[in-house]
PDB file of N, CA and C in Angstrom:
ATOM      1  N   MET A   1      -5.430   1.596  -0.453  1.00  0.00           N
ATOM      2  CA  MET A   1      -5.560   2.955   0.052  1.00  0.00           C
ATOM      3  C   MET A   1      -6.661   3.675  -0.714  1.00  0.00           C
ATOM      4  N   LEU A   2      -7.411   4.477  -0.007  1.00  0.00           N
ATOM      5  CA  LEU A   2      -8.515   5.213  -0.608  1.00  0.00           C
ATOM      6  C   LEU A   2      -8.047   6.578  -1.082  1.00  0.00           C
ATOM      7  N   THR A   3      -8.598   7.011  -2.212  1.00  0.00           N
ATOM      8  CA  THR A   3      -8.335   8.368  -2.682  1.00  0.00           C
ATOM      9  C   THR A   3      -9.198   9.322  -1.862  1.00  0.00           C
ATOM     10  N   SER A   4      -8.888  10.591  -1.915  1.00  0.00           N
ATOM     11  CA  SER A   4      -9.682  11.570  -1.160  1.00  0.00           C
ATOM     12  C   SER A   4     -11.129  11.586  -1.671  1.00  0.00           C
ATOM     13  N   GLU A   5     -11.322  11.398  -2.957  1.00  0.00           N
ATOM     14  CA  GLU A   5     -12.665  11.358  -3.537  1.00  0.00           C
ATOM     15  C   GLU A   5     -13.443  10.134  -3.027  1.00  0.00           C
ATOM     16  N   GLN A   6     -12.781   8.987  -2.970  1.00  0.00           N
ATOM     17  CA  GLN A   6     -13.419   7.774  -2.462  1.00  0.00           C
ATOM     18  C   GLN A   6     -13.755   7.913  -0.976  1.00  0.00           C
ATOM     19  N   ARG A   7     -12.825   8.471  -0.203  1.00  0.00           N
ATOM     20  CA  ARG A   7     -13.067   8.680   1.229  1.00  0.00           C
ATOM     21  C   ARG A   7     -14.282   9.576   1.444  1.00  0.00           C
ATOM     22  N   LEU A   8     -14.370  10.651   0.679  1.00  0.00           N
ATOM     23  CA  LEU A   8     -15.482  11.581   0.810  1.00  0.00           C
ATOM     24  C   LEU A   8     -16.801  10.879   0.489  1.00  0.00           C
ATOM     25  N   ALA A   9     -16.840  10.093  -0.577  1.00  0.00           N
ATOM     26  CA  ALA A   9     -18.058   9.367  -0.953  1.00  0.00           C
ATOM     27  C   ALA A   9     -18.457   8.385   0.150  1.00  0.00           C
ATOM     28  N   LEU A  10     -17.482   7.698   0.734  1.00  0.00           N
ATOM     29  CA  LEU A  10     -17.766   6.740   1.800  1.00  0.00           C
ATOM     30  C   LEU A  10     -18.234   7.440   3.069  1.00  0.00           C
ATOM     31  N   LEU A  11     -17.589   8.547   3.408  1.00  0.00           N
ATOM     32  CA  LEU A  11     -18.009   9.331   4.578  1.00  0.00           C
ATOM     33  C   LEU A  11     -19.454   9.792   4.427  1.00  0.00           C
ATOM     34  N   GLU A  12     -19.787  10.313   3.256  1.00  0.00           N
ATOM     35  CA  GLU A  12     -21.144  10.790   3.000  1.00  0.00           C
ATOM     36  C   GLU A  12     -22.153   9.652   3.055  1.00  0.00           C
ATOM     37  N   ALA A  13     -21.755   8.464   2.613  1.00  0.00           N
ATOM     38  CA  ALA A  13     -22.652   7.308   2.639  1.00  0.00           C
ATOM     39  C   ALA A  13     -22.873   6.802   4.056  1.00  0.00           C
ATOM     40  N   LEU A  14     -21.896   6.967   4.941  1.00  0.00           N
ATOM     41  CA  LEU A  14     -22.007   6.474   6.312  1.00  0.00           C
ATOM     42  C   LEU A  14     -22.787   7.411   7.226  1.00  0.00           C
ATOM     43  N   VAL A  15     -22.801   8.694   6.941  1.00  0.00           N
ATOM     44  CA  VAL A  15     -23.467   9.680   7.801  1.00  0.00           C
ATOM     45  C   VAL A  15     -24.935   9.335   8.079  1.00  0.00           C
ATOM     46  N   PRO A  16     -25.749   8.932   7.094  1.00  0.00           N
ATOM     47  CA  PRO A  16     -27.151   8.613   7.395  1.00  0.00           C
ATOM     48  C   PRO A  16     -27.330   7.450   8.381  1.00  0.00           C
ATOM     49  N   TYR A  17     -26.296   6.670   8.598  1.00  0.00           N
ATOM     50  CA  TYR A  17     -26.343   5.556   9.544  1.00  0.00           C
ATOM     51  C   TYR A  17     -25.765   5.944  10.912  1.00  0.00           C
ATOM     52  N   GLY A  18     -25.358   7.209  11.057  1.00  0.00           N
ATOM     53  CA  GLY A  18     -24.746   7.658  12.299  1.00  0.00           C
ATOM     54  C   GLY A  18     -23.334   7.119  12.449  1.00  0.00           C
ATOM     55  N   ALA A  19     -22.692   6.824  11.330  1.00  0.00           N
ATOM     56  CA  ALA A  19     -21.359   6.229  11.337  1.00  0.00           C
ATOM     57  C   ALA A  19     -20.368   7.145  10.618  1.00  0.00           C
ATOM     58  N   ARG A  20     -19.100   6.762  10.695  1.00  0.00           N
ATOM     59  CA  ARG A  20     -18.032   7.544  10.065  1.00  0.00           C
ATOM     60  C   ARG A  20     -16.911   6.607   9.649  1.00  0.00           C
ATOM     61  N   LEU A  21     -15.924   7.167   8.996  1.00  0.00           N
ATOM     62  CA  LEU A  21     -14.733   6.437   8.576  1.00  0.00           C
ATOM     63  C   LEU A  21     -13.557   6.985   9.371  1.00  0.00           C
ATOM     64  N   THR A  22     -12.785   6.098  10.011  1.00  0.00           N
ATOM     65  CA  THR A  22     -11.635   6.543  10.803  1.00  0.00           C
ATOM     66  C   THR A  22     -10.467   6.893   9.879  1.00  0.00           C
ATOM     67  N   GLU A  23      -9.438   7.457  10.455  1.00  0.00           N
ATOM     68  CA  GLU A  23      -8.246   7.825   9.683  1.00  0.00           C
ATOM     69  C   GLU A  23      -7.601   6.623   8.992  1.00  0.00           C
ATOM     70  N   ASP A  24      -7.716   5.444   9.609  1.00  0.00           N
ATOM     71  CA  ASP A  24      -7.125   4.246   9.004  1.00  0.00           C
ATOM     72  C   ASP A  24      -8.169   3.400   8.265  1.00  0.00           C
ATOM     73  N   ASP A  25      -9.267   4.064   7.845  1.00  0.00           N
ATOM     74  CA  ASP A  25     -10.286   3.485   6.967  1.00  0.00           C
ATOM     75  C   ASP A  25     -11.133   2.382   7.588  1.00  0.00           C
ATOM     76  N   HIS A  26     -11.295   2.405   8.914  1.00  0.00           N
ATOM     77  CA  HIS A  26     -12.222   1.499   9.581  1.00  0.00           C
ATOM     78  C   HIS A  26     -13.571   2.198   9.704  1.00  0.00           C
ATOM     79  N   ILE A  27     -14.639   1.418   9.735  1.00  0.00           N
ATOM     80  CA  ILE A  27     -15.966   1.978   9.974  1.00  0.00           C
ATOM     81  C   ILE A  27     -16.155   2.111  11.479  1.00  0.00           C
ATOM     82  N   ALA A  28     -16.685   3.246  11.907  1.00  0.00           N
ATOM     83  CA  ALA A  28     -16.943   3.492  13.328  1.00  0.00           C
ATOM     84  C   ALA A  28     -18.350   4.037  13.480  1.00  0.00           C
ATOM     85  N   LYS A  29     -18.971   3.667  14.594  1.00  0.00           N
ATOM     86  CA  LYS A  29     -20.306   4.179  14.912  1.00  0.00           C
ATOM     87  C   LYS A  29     -20.290   4.547  16.380  1.00  0.00           C
ATOM     88  N   GLY A  30     -20.530   5.823  16.658  1.00  0.00           N
ATOM     89  CA  GLY A  30     -20.405   6.313  18.027  1.00  0.00           C
ATOM     90  C   GLY A  30     -18.951   6.185  18.452  1.00  0.00           C
ATOM     91  N   GLU A  31     -18.734   5.639  19.627  1.00  0.00           N
ATOM     92  CA  GLU A  31     -17.371   5.448  20.129  1.00  0.00           C
ATOM     93  C   GLU A  31     -16.760   4.128  19.666  1.00  0.00           C
ATOM     94  N   LYS A  32     -17.581   3.250  19.088  1.00  0.00           N
ATOM     95  CA  LYS A  32     -17.109   1.918  18.702  1.00  0.00           C
ATOM     96  C   LYS A  32     -16.497   1.916  17.301  1.00  0.00           C
ATOM     97  N   VAL A  33     -15.240   1.478  17.233  1.00  0.00           N
ATOM     98  CA  VAL A  33     -14.563   1.317  15.948  1.00  0.00           C
ATOM     99  C   VAL A  33     -14.653  -0.165  15.578  1.00  0.00           C
ATOM    100  N   MET A  34     -15.257  -0.433  14.453  1.00  0.00           N
ATOM    101  CA  MET A  34     -15.453  -1.808  14.004  1.00  0.00           C
ATOM    102  C   MET A  34     -14.137  -2.394  13.488  1.00  0.00           C
ATOM    103  N   SER A  35     -14.071  -3.700  13.439  1.00  0.00           N
ATOM    104  CA  SER A  35     -12.874  -4.368  12.912  1.00  0.00           C
ATOM    105  C   SER A  35     -12.866  -4.351  11.388  1.00  0.00           C
ATOM    106  N   VAL A  36     -13.935  -3.858  10.799  1.00  0.00           N
ATOM    107  CA  VAL A  36     -14.075  -3.820   9.342  1.00  0.00           C
ATOM    108  C   VAL A  36     -13.323  -2.619   8.773  1.00  0.00           C
ATOM    109  N   GLN A  37     -12.522  -2.899   7.752  1.00  0.00           N
ATOM    110  CA  GLN A  37     -11.725  -1.855   7.105  1.00  0.00           C
ATOM    111  C   GLN A  37     -12.064  -1.837   5.622  1.00  0.00           C
ATOM    112  N   LEU A  38     -12.074  -0.644   5.031  1.00  0.00           N
ATOM    113  CA  LEU A  38     -12.371  -0.489   3.611  1.00  0.00           C
ATOM    114  C   LEU A  38     -11.098  -0.204   2.834  1.00  0.00           C
ATOM    115  N   GLU A  39     -11.003  -0.799   1.647  1.00  0.00           N
ATOM    116  CA  GLU A  39      -9.867  -0.535   0.761  1.00  0.00           C
ATOM    117  C   GLU A  39     -10.343  -0.663  -0.677  1.00  0.00           C
ATOM    118  N   VAL A  40      -9.595  -0.064  -1.577  1.00  0.00           N
ATOM    119  CA  VAL A  40      -9.875  -0.208  -3.008  1.00  0.00           C
ATOM    120  C   VAL A  40      -8.679  -0.904  -3.633  1.00  0.00           C
ATOM    121  N   LYS A  41      -8.985  -1.971  -4.363  1.00  0.00           N
ATOM    122  CA  LYS A  41      -7.931  -2.748  -5.007  1.00  0.00           C
ATOM    123  C   LYS A  41      -8.500  -3.356  -6.283  1.00  0.00           C
ATOM    124  N   GLY A  42      -7.782  -3.165  -7.381  1.00  0.00           N
ATOM    125  CA  GLY A  42      -8.205  -3.752  -8.650  1.00  0.00           C
ATOM    126  C   GLY A  42      -9.580  -3.311  -9.114  1.00  0.00           C
ATOM    127  N   GLY A  43      -9.922  -2.053  -8.882  1.00  0.00           N
ATOM    128  CA  GLY A  43     -11.216  -1.546  -9.319  1.00  0.00           C
ATOM    129  C   GLY A  43     -12.386  -1.988  -8.455  1.00  0.00           C
ATOM    130  N   ARG A  44     -12.095  -2.540  -7.283  1.00  0.00           N
ATOM    131  CA  ARG A  44     -13.140  -3.019  -6.380  1.00  0.00           C
ATOM    132  C   ARG A  44     -13.004  -2.369  -5.009  1.00  0.00           C
ATOM    133  N   LEU A  45     -14.131  -2.023  -4.407  1.00  0.00           N
ATOM    134  CA  LEU A  45     -14.167  -1.615  -3.013  1.00  0.00           C
ATOM    135  C   LEU A  45     -14.224  -2.911  -2.224  1.00  0.00           C
ATOM    136  N   ARG A  46     -13.214  -3.134  -1.400  1.00  0.00           N
ATOM    137  CA  ARG A  46     -13.138  -4.372  -0.634  1.00  0.00           C
ATOM    138  C   ARG A  46     -13.397  -4.080   0.836  1.00  0.00           C
ATOM    139  N   VAL A  47     -14.273  -4.875   1.424  1.00  0.00           N
ATOM    140  CA  VAL A  47     -14.587  -4.768   2.846  1.00  0.00           C
ATOM    141  C   VAL A  47     -13.843  -5.912   3.522  1.00  0.00           C
ATOM    142  N   MET A  48     -12.847  -5.552   4.340  1.00  0.00           N
ATOM    143  CA  MET A  48     -11.980  -6.532   4.973  1.00  0.00           C
ATOM    144  C   MET A  48     -12.260  -6.590   6.480  1.00  0.00           C
ATOM    145  N   GLY A  49     -12.202  -7.783   7.021  1.00  0.00           N
ATOM    146  CA  GLY A  49     -12.384  -7.971   8.455  1.00  0.00           C
ATOM    147  C   GLY A  49     -11.538  -9.127   8.931  1.00  0.00           C
ATOM    148  N   GLY A  50     -10.645  -8.872   9.868  1.00  0.00           N
ATOM    149  CA  GLY A  50      -9.784  -9.935  10.378  1.00  0.00           C
ATOM    150  C   GLY A  50      -8.881 -10.525   9.310  1.00  0.00           C
ATOM    151  N   GLY A  51      -8.490  -9.700   8.350  1.00  0.00           N
ATOM    152  CA  GLY A  51      -7.618 -10.165   7.277  1.00  0.00           C
ATOM    153  C   GLY A  51      -8.342 -10.941   6.188  1.00  0.00           C
ATOM    154  N   LYS A  52      -9.665 -11.048   6.294  1.00  0.00           N
ATOM    155  CA  LYS A  52     -10.453 -11.790   5.307  1.00  0.00           C
ATOM    156  C   LYS A  52     -11.368 -10.855   4.540  1.00  0.00           C
ATOM    157  N   LEU A  53     -11.612 -11.199   3.290  1.00  0.00           N
ATOM    158  CA  LEU A  53     -12.528 -10.436   2.459  1.00  0.00           C
ATOM    159  C   LEU A  53     -13.964 -10.771   2.869  1.00  0.00           C
ATOM    160  N   LEU A  54     -14.703  -9.763   3.302  1.00  0.00           N
ATOM    161  CA  LEU A  54     -16.090  -9.952   3.711  1.00  0.00           C
ATOM    162  C   LEU A  54     -17.060  -9.643   2.573  1.00  0.00           C
ATOM    163  N   ALA A  55     -16.695  -8.661   1.749  1.00  0.00           N
ATOM    164  CA  ALA A  55     -17.549  -8.259   0.632  1.00  0.00           C
ATOM    165  C   ALA A  55     -16.730  -7.456  -0.366  1.00  0.00           C
ATOM    166  N   SER A  56     -17.225  -7.394  -1.588  1.00  0.00           N
ATOM    167  CA  SER A  56     -16.552  -6.657  -2.645  1.00  0.00           C
ATOM    168  C   SER A  56     -17.610  -6.008  -3.537  1.00  0.00           C
ATOM    169  N   PHE A  57     -17.368  -4.736  -3.883  1.00  0.00           N
ATOM    170  CA  PHE A  57     -18.308  -3.963  -4.697  1.00  0.00           C
ATOM    171  C   PHE A  57     -17.522  -3.182  -5.742  1.00  0.00           C
ATOM    172  N   PRO A  58     -18.166  -2.753  -6.834  1.00  0.00           N
ATOM    173  CA  PRO A  58     -17.466  -1.918  -7.818  1.00  0.00           C
ATOM    174  C   PRO A  58     -16.975  -0.619  -7.178  1.00  0.00           C
ATOM    175  N   ALA A  59     -15.731  -0.278  -7.403  1.00  0.00           N
ATOM    176  CA  ALA A  59     -15.144   0.936  -6.817  1.00  0.00           C
ATOM    177  C   ALA A  59     -15.697   2.202  -7.453  1.00  0.00           C
ATOM    178  N   ALA A  60     -16.329   2.081  -8.599  1.00  0.00           N
ATOM    179  CA  ALA A  60     -16.886   3.253  -9.263  1.00  0.00           C
ATOM    180  C   ALA A  60     -18.040   3.858  -8.470  1.00  0.00           C
ATOM    181  N   ARG A  61     -18.697   3.044  -7.629  1.00  0.00           N
ATOM    182  CA  ARG A  61     -19.807   3.527  -6.804  1.00  0.00           C
ATOM    183  C   ARG A  61     -19.614   3.067  -5.358  1.00  0.00           C
ATOM    184  N   PRO A  62     -18.579   3.574  -4.684  1.00  0.00           N
ATOM    185  CA  PRO A  62     -18.285   3.105  -3.325  1.00  0.00           C
ATOM    186  C   PRO A  62     -19.405   3.368  -2.329  1.00  0.00           C
ATOM    187  N   GLU A  63     -20.140   4.463  -2.522  1.00  0.00           N
ATOM    188  CA  GLU A  63     -21.220   4.783  -1.593  1.00  0.00           C
ATOM    189  C   GLU A  63     -22.317   3.718  -1.624  1.00  0.00           C
ATOM    190  N   LYS A  64     -22.619   3.192  -2.790  1.00  0.00           N
ATOM    191  CA  LYS A  64     -23.624   2.129  -2.921  1.00  0.00           C
ATOM    192  C   LYS A  64     -23.131   0.850  -2.241  1.00  0.00           C
ATOM    193  N   GLY A  65     -21.858   0.529  -2.437  1.00  0.00           N
ATOM    194  CA  GLY A  65     -21.295  -0.672  -1.831  1.00  0.00           C
ATOM    195  C   GLY A  65     -21.295  -0.623  -0.317  1.00  0.00           C
ATOM    196  N   VAL A  66     -20.871   0.499   0.252  1.00  0.00           N
ATOM    197  CA  VAL A  66     -20.816   0.588   1.721  1.00  0.00           C
ATOM    198  C   VAL A  66     -22.222   0.582   2.309  1.00  0.00           C
ATOM    199  N   SER A  67     -23.177   1.212   1.649  1.00  0.00           N
ATOM    200  CA  SER A  67     -24.559   1.179   2.129  1.00  0.00           C
ATOM    201  C   SER A  67     -25.109  -0.242   2.104  1.00  0.00           C
ATOM    202  N   ASP A  68     -24.895  -0.936   0.998  1.00  0.00           N
ATOM    203  CA  ASP A  68     -25.338  -2.333   0.905  1.00  0.00           C
ATOM    204  C   ASP A  68     -24.714  -3.166   2.017  1.00  0.00           C
ATOM    205  N   PHE A  69     -23.427  -2.963   2.259  1.00  0.00           N
ATOM    206  CA  PHE A  69     -22.739  -3.760   3.268  1.00  0.00           C
ATOM    207  C   PHE A  69     -23.301  -3.527   4.668  1.00  0.00           C
ATOM    208  N   VAL A  70     -23.379  -2.275   5.106  1.00  0.00           N
ATOM    209  CA  VAL A  70     -23.801  -2.018   6.484  1.00  0.00           C
ATOM    210  C   VAL A  70     -25.251  -2.434   6.719  1.00  0.00           C
ATOM    211  N   GLU A  71     -26.084  -2.355   5.683  1.00  0.00           N
ATOM    212  CA  GLU A  71     -27.473  -2.769   5.836  1.00  0.00           C
ATOM    213  C   GLU A  71     -27.611  -4.285   5.913  1.00  0.00           C
ATOM    214  N   LYS A  72     -26.795  -5.006   5.159  1.00  0.00           N
ATOM    215  CA  LYS A  72     -26.897  -6.464   5.142  1.00  0.00           C
ATOM    216  C   LYS A  72     -26.072  -7.143   6.235  1.00  0.00           C
ATOM    217  N   PHE A  73     -24.922  -6.569   6.598  1.00  0.00           N
ATOM    218  CA  PHE A  73     -24.027  -7.193   7.569  1.00  0.00           C
ATOM    219  C   PHE A  73     -24.437  -6.866   9.004  1.00  0.00           C
ATOM    220  N   TRP A  74     -24.743  -5.591   9.260  1.00  0.00           N
ATOM    221  CA  TRP A  74     -25.111  -5.152  10.609  1.00  0.00           C
ATOM    222  C   TRP A  74     -26.593  -4.819  10.744  1.00  0.00           C
ATOM    223  N   PHE A  75     -27.336  -4.879   9.660  1.00  0.00           N
ATOM    224  CA  PHE A  75     -28.769  -4.543   9.647  1.00  0.00           C
ATOM    225  C   PHE A  75     -29.023  -3.104  10.070  1.00  0.00           C
ATOM    226  N   TRP A  76     -28.084  -2.211   9.739  1.00  0.00           N
ATOM    227  CA  TRP A  76     -28.254  -0.794  10.056  1.00  0.00           C
ATOM    228  C   TRP A  76     -29.321  -0.206   9.171  1.00  0.00           C
ATOM    229  N   LYS A  77     -30.036   0.758   9.709  1.00  0.00           N
ATOM    230  CA  LYS A  77     -31.041   1.520   8.960  1.00  0.00           C
ATOM    231  C   LYS A  77     -30.612   2.977   8.948  1.00  0.00           C
ATOM    232  N   LYS A  78     -30.996   3.661   7.879  1.00  0.00           N
ATOM    233  CA  LYS A  78     -30.703   5.096   7.801  1.00  0.00           C
ATOM    234  C   LYS A  78     -31.580   5.824   8.801  1.00  0.00           C
ATOM    235  N   HIS A  79     -31.016   6.878   9.399  1.00  0.00           N
ATOM    236  CA  HIS A  79     -31.765   7.673  10.388  1.00  0.00           C
ATOM    237  C   HIS A  79     -32.529   8.766   9.699  1.00  0.00           C
TER     238      HIS A  79
END
């Protein structure tokens, strides 16, 4: 589960990509809600998809981790 501070950092990191975080911590862009979900566990920001770990980043800088992920996984660019 994400803290309110972590959620805010992730939301702010997703905005330049035209994306957002849903109530259940999935990444969404436009009307499309991705199967990718974000969680923090053991000091790590974990990017989960289909019950599998797709990526892991230090939880101390969640905005950097989510930016790295969306740019490398979906090839998103900031607007």
